[in-house]
Protein backbone atom coordinates (compact mmCIF):
# COMPACT_ATOMS: atom_id res chain seq x y z
CA LEU A 1 52.41 27.43 -9.32
CA ILE A 2 53.16 31.61 -8.86
CA ASP A 3 56.87 30.95 -8.85
CA VAL A 4 57.13 28.34 -12.02
CA ILE A 5 54.64 31.48 -14.04
CA ASP A 6 57.23 34.04 -13.05
CA PHE A 7 60.14 31.97 -13.88
CA ILE A 8 58.53 31.01 -17.26
CA ASP A 9 57.82 35.18 -17.70
CA LYS A 10 61.89 35.84 -16.99
CA LYS A 11 62.91 32.69 -19.39
CA PHE A 12 61.25 33.04 -21.95
CA LYS A 13 60.62 36.61 -22.24
CA LYS A 14 57.58 36.22 -23.18
CA GLN A 15 54.47 38.38 -22.46
CA LEU A 16 52.23 36.73 -20.11
CA LYS A 17 48.70 38.34 -19.37
CA PHE A 18 46.90 36.74 -16.68
CA LYS A 19 42.74 36.54 -16.82
CA LYS A 20 41.03 35.03 -13.10
CA LYS A 21 44.67 35.51 -11.72
CA LYS A 22 42.87 35.63 -8.41
CA ARG A 23 41.15 32.08 -8.77
CA LEU A 24 44.97 30.89 -9.62
CA VAL A 25 45.95 27.70 -7.14
CA LYS A 26 49.02 29.80 -5.95
CA ASP A 27 51.07 27.33 -4.34
CA ALA A 28 50.23 24.23 -6.08
CA LYS A 29 53.15 21.80 -6.38
CA VAL A 30 53.99 21.03 -9.94
CA THR A 31 56.53 18.70 -11.32
CA LEU A 32 58.03 19.88 -14.96
CA ASP A 33 60.75 20.05 -17.39
CA LEU A 34 61.70 24.26 -17.13
CA ASN A 35 64.51 23.09 -20.11
CA ALA A 36 61.26 22.45 -22.24
CA ASP A 37 59.57 24.62 -25.19
CA LEU A 38 56.64 27.05 -23.18
CA PRO A 39 54.00 25.75 -25.18
CA VAL A 40 55.67 22.41 -23.49
CA ILE A 41 55.26 23.83 -19.97
CA LEU A 42 52.23 25.51 -20.69
CA GLU A 43 50.49 22.43 -21.80
CA VAL A 44 51.54 20.21 -18.88
CA LEU A 45 50.24 22.81 -16.80
CA GLN A 46 47.23 22.67 -17.89
CA THR A 47 46.92 18.85 -17.43
CA TYR A 48 47.66 19.27 -14.16
CA ALA A 49 43.92 21.29 -14.74
CA LEU A 50 45.80 24.20 -12.82
CA ILE A 51 45.58 26.95 -15.68
CA THR A 52 44.45 27.28 -19.29
CA PHE A 53 45.91 29.33 -21.94
CA GLU A 54 45.43 30.44 -25.41
CA LYS A 55 47.73 32.07 -27.60
CA GLY A 56 47.46 36.10 -27.77
CA LYS A 57 47.08 38.92 -29.79
CA CYS A 58 51.00 38.64 -31.00
CA ASP A 59 53.24 35.52 -31.54
CA ASN A 60 54.90 35.97 -28.08
CA CYS A 61 51.75 37.03 -25.99
CA PHE A 62 49.81 34.29 -24.00
CA ILE A 63 47.04 34.62 -21.53
CA ILE A 64 47.04 32.07 -18.65
CA SER A 65 43.63 31.75 -16.58
CA ALA A 66 42.07 30.00 -13.76
CA PRO A 67 40.05 26.94 -15.13
CA LYS A 68 36.60 27.23 -14.81
CA LYS A 69 34.34 26.56 -12.30
CA LYS A 70 32.61 23.13 -12.09
């Protein structure tokens, strides 16, 4: 997961800010289309229940955090 997020950061040149980064499942395995748009990729990762994301203060900013514990 961390490798995918690093790839997203480099490919889309977007600013990614992490909240609760320590709680991300860093070694999770995911399958996704890296040619898709960034919001689509983030939505797919969110459906895996590995991250939550929201738009940041700028158009190119996204805030990524670990899902809330149940």
